[in-house]
């Protein structure tokens, strides 16, 4: 075999390798955290301020996972009034399972959410809530067996 054939075979292997990388890259999914990811990034300072408001409460907000009933308990502070909340359940591995739940608990109330419908695995829980015009934000993670 002369050097011309060796160059042709080497070039062919290189082209086949590049084409296979293109096919593999094309088949990858590019799910972002949310569809409006960039708009949320612009408003990130507001999220930081809301998290700071949550940390400054005398009686902190708390999440509690009840394993036996697959329930999530949300403990809101007693001192706040006119609470409006939105809970986002985010599944990093499958965006089609994401859920948003609107809540209007009273102050000091423990809100119970039945999560029997959620599939097993890792979940991120984001809670955006307001009380008397002041924004709050809390988050946690769940691993459902």
Protein backbone atom coordinates (compact mmCIF):
# COMPACT_ATOMS: atom_id res chain seq x y z
CA UNK A 1 0.00 0.00 0.00
CA UNK A 2 1.50 3.33 -0.99
CA UNK A 3 1.32 6.64 0.91
CA UNK A 4 -1.61 7.96 -1.20
CA UNK A 5 -3.91 5.19 0.00
CA UNK A 6 -2.83 5.72 3.61
CA UNK A 7 -3.71 9.44 3.38
CA UNK A 8 -7.09 8.62 1.80
CA UNK A 9 -7.91 6.04 4.51
CA UNK A 10 -6.79 8.42 7.30
CA UNK A 11 -8.88 11.25 5.85
CA UNK A 12 -11.91 8.93 5.50
CA UNK A 13 -11.62 7.85 9.16
CA UNK A 14 -11.37 11.50 10.21
CA UNK A 15 -14.50 12.47 8.19
CA UNK A 16 -16.45 9.48 9.57
CA UNK A 17 -15.47 10.47 13.11
CA UNK A 18 -16.57 14.08 12.62
CA UNK A 19 -19.89 12.99 11.09
CA UNK A 20 -20.57 10.61 14.00
CA UNK A 21 -19.88 13.45 16.49
CA UNK A 22 -22.33 15.68 14.61
CA UNK A 23 -25.02 12.97 14.73
CA UNK A 24 -24.49 12.38 18.48
CA UNK A 25 -24.56 16.14 19.21
CA UNK A 26 -27.73 16.57 17.13
CA UNK A 27 -29.58 13.90 19.15
CA UNK A 28 -28.83 15.52 22.53
CA UNK A 29 -31.71 17.31 24.28
CA UNK A 30 -31.20 20.87 25.36
CA UNK A 31 -33.89 21.27 28.02
CA UNK A 32 -33.29 24.42 30.01
CA UNK A 33 -34.50 24.94 33.54
CA UNK A 34 -37.50 26.79 32.14
CA UNK A 35 -38.71 28.09 28.83
CA UNK A 36 -38.17 31.71 29.87
CA UNK A 37 -34.72 31.12 31.35
CA UNK A 38 -33.18 34.35 30.07
CA UNK A 39 -36.02 36.56 31.34
CA UNK A 40 -35.63 34.95 34.77
CA UNK A 41 -31.89 35.65 34.77
CA UNK A 42 -32.54 39.36 34.25
CA UNK A 43 -34.74 39.38 37.37
CA UNK A 44 -32.27 37.39 39.49
CA UNK A 45 -31.53 40.30 41.86
CA UNK A 46 -35.18 40.33 42.87
CA UNK A 47 -34.88 36.63 43.77
CA UNK A 48 -31.79 37.40 45.90
CA UNK A 49 -33.69 40.16 47.72
CA UNK A 50 -36.69 37.87 48.30
CA UNK A 51 -34.38 35.18 49.73
CA UNK A 52 -32.87 37.79 52.04
CA UNK A 53 -36.37 38.74 53.22
CA UNK A 54 -37.05 35.08 54.07
CA UNK A 55 -33.82 34.78 56.03
CA UNK A 56 -34.58 37.94 58.02
CA UNK A 57 -37.90 36.65 59.43
CA UNK A 58 -38.04 36.12 63.20
CA UNK A 59 -40.02 32.91 62.73
CA UNK A 60 -38.59 31.29 59.60
CA UNK A 61 -40.56 29.53 56.92
CA UNK A 62 -40.03 25.76 56.88
CA UNK A 63 -40.55 22.82 54.54
CA UNK A 64 -41.30 19.40 56.05
CA UNK A 65 -41.51 16.15 54.08
CA UNK A 66 -43.79 13.44 55.52
CA UNK A 67 -42.59 10.14 54.09
CA UNK A 68 -45.48 7.87 55.07
CA UNK A 69 -48.15 9.90 53.32
CA UNK A 70 -45.96 11.48 50.62
CA UNK A 71 -47.01 14.94 51.77
CA UNK A 72 -45.16 18.22 51.83
CA UNK A 73 -45.92 20.52 54.74
CA UNK A 74 -45.31 24.26 54.35
CA UNK A 75 -45.06 26.12 57.68
CA UNK A 76 -45.73 29.85 57.16
CA UNK A 77 -44.78 32.39 59.88
CA UNK A 78 -47.45 33.59 62.32
CA UNK A 79 -46.50 37.26 62.03
CA UNK A 80 -47.37 37.71 58.35
CA UNK A 81 -50.76 38.41 56.78
CA UNK A 82 -52.31 38.27 53.31
CA UNK A 83 -50.02 35.52 52.07
CA UNK A 84 -50.13 34.51 48.42
CA UNK A 85 -47.77 31.79 47.27
CA UNK A 86 -46.79 29.84 44.19
CA UNK A 87 -45.01 26.51 44.55
CA UNK A 88 -42.99 25.15 41.65
CA UNK A 89 -42.05 21.48 41.60
CA UNK A 90 -39.18 21.13 39.15
CA UNK A 91 -37.92 17.76 37.90
CA UNK A 92 -34.42 18.26 36.40
CA UNK A 93 -34.50 14.97 34.49
CA UNK A 94 -37.89 15.49 32.81
CA UNK A 95 -39.37 18.95 32.20
CA UNK A 96 -42.75 17.48 31.26
CA UNK A 97 -43.35 16.54 34.94
CA UNK A 98 -42.87 20.10 36.27
CA UNK A 99 -45.83 21.49 38.20
CA UNK A 100 -46.96 24.88 39.53
CA UNK A 101 -49.39 25.16 42.43
CA UNK A 102 -50.99 28.42 43.64
CA UNK A 103 -51.65 28.74 47.37
CA UNK A 104 -53.36 31.30 49.60
CA UNK A 105 -52.67 30.19 53.18
CA UNK A 106 -53.50 32.24 56.24
CA UNK A 107 -50.73 33.44 58.55
CA UNK A 108 -49.36 30.76 60.83
CA UNK A 109 -51.03 28.07 58.79
CA UNK A 110 -49.38 24.82 57.85
CA UNK A 111 -50.32 24.06 54.27
CA UNK A 112 -50.41 20.35 53.35
CA UNK A 113 -49.79 19.24 49.79
CA UNK A 114 -50.52 15.67 48.75
CA UNK A 115 -47.74 14.62 46.36
CA UNK A 116 -48.85 11.04 45.62
CA UNK A 117 -48.90 11.81 41.90
CA UNK A 118 -45.18 12.69 41.76
CA UNK A 119 -42.87 10.04 40.39
CA UNK A 120 -39.91 8.80 42.38
CA UNK A 121 -36.62 10.61 42.06
CA UNK A 122 -34.99 14.00 42.59
CA UNK A 123 -37.15 17.14 42.73
CA UNK A 124 -36.39 20.82 43.34
CA UNK A 125 -39.06 22.79 45.20
CA UNK A 126 -39.23 26.59 44.74
CA UNK A 127 -41.68 28.70 46.71
CA UNK A 128 -42.28 32.33 45.73
CA UNK A 129 -44.59 34.09 48.15
CA UNK A 130 -45.67 37.56 49.13
CA UNK A 131 -47.12 39.05 52.28
CA UNK A 132 -48.42 42.61 52.38
CA UNK A 133 -46.52 43.50 49.20
CA UNK A 134 -43.18 42.10 50.43
CA UNK A 135 -41.62 39.28 48.38
CA UNK A 136 -40.14 36.10 49.88
CA UNK A 137 -38.44 33.07 48.35
CA UNK A 138 -37.56 29.65 49.71
CA UNK A 139 -36.28 26.49 48.07
CA UNK A 140 -35.43 22.93 48.99
CA UNK A 141 -34.80 19.58 47.34
CA UNK A 142 -36.73 16.33 47.67
CA UNK A 143 -35.73 12.79 46.90
CA UNK A 144 -38.88 10.71 46.63
CA UNK A 145 -38.21 6.97 47.04
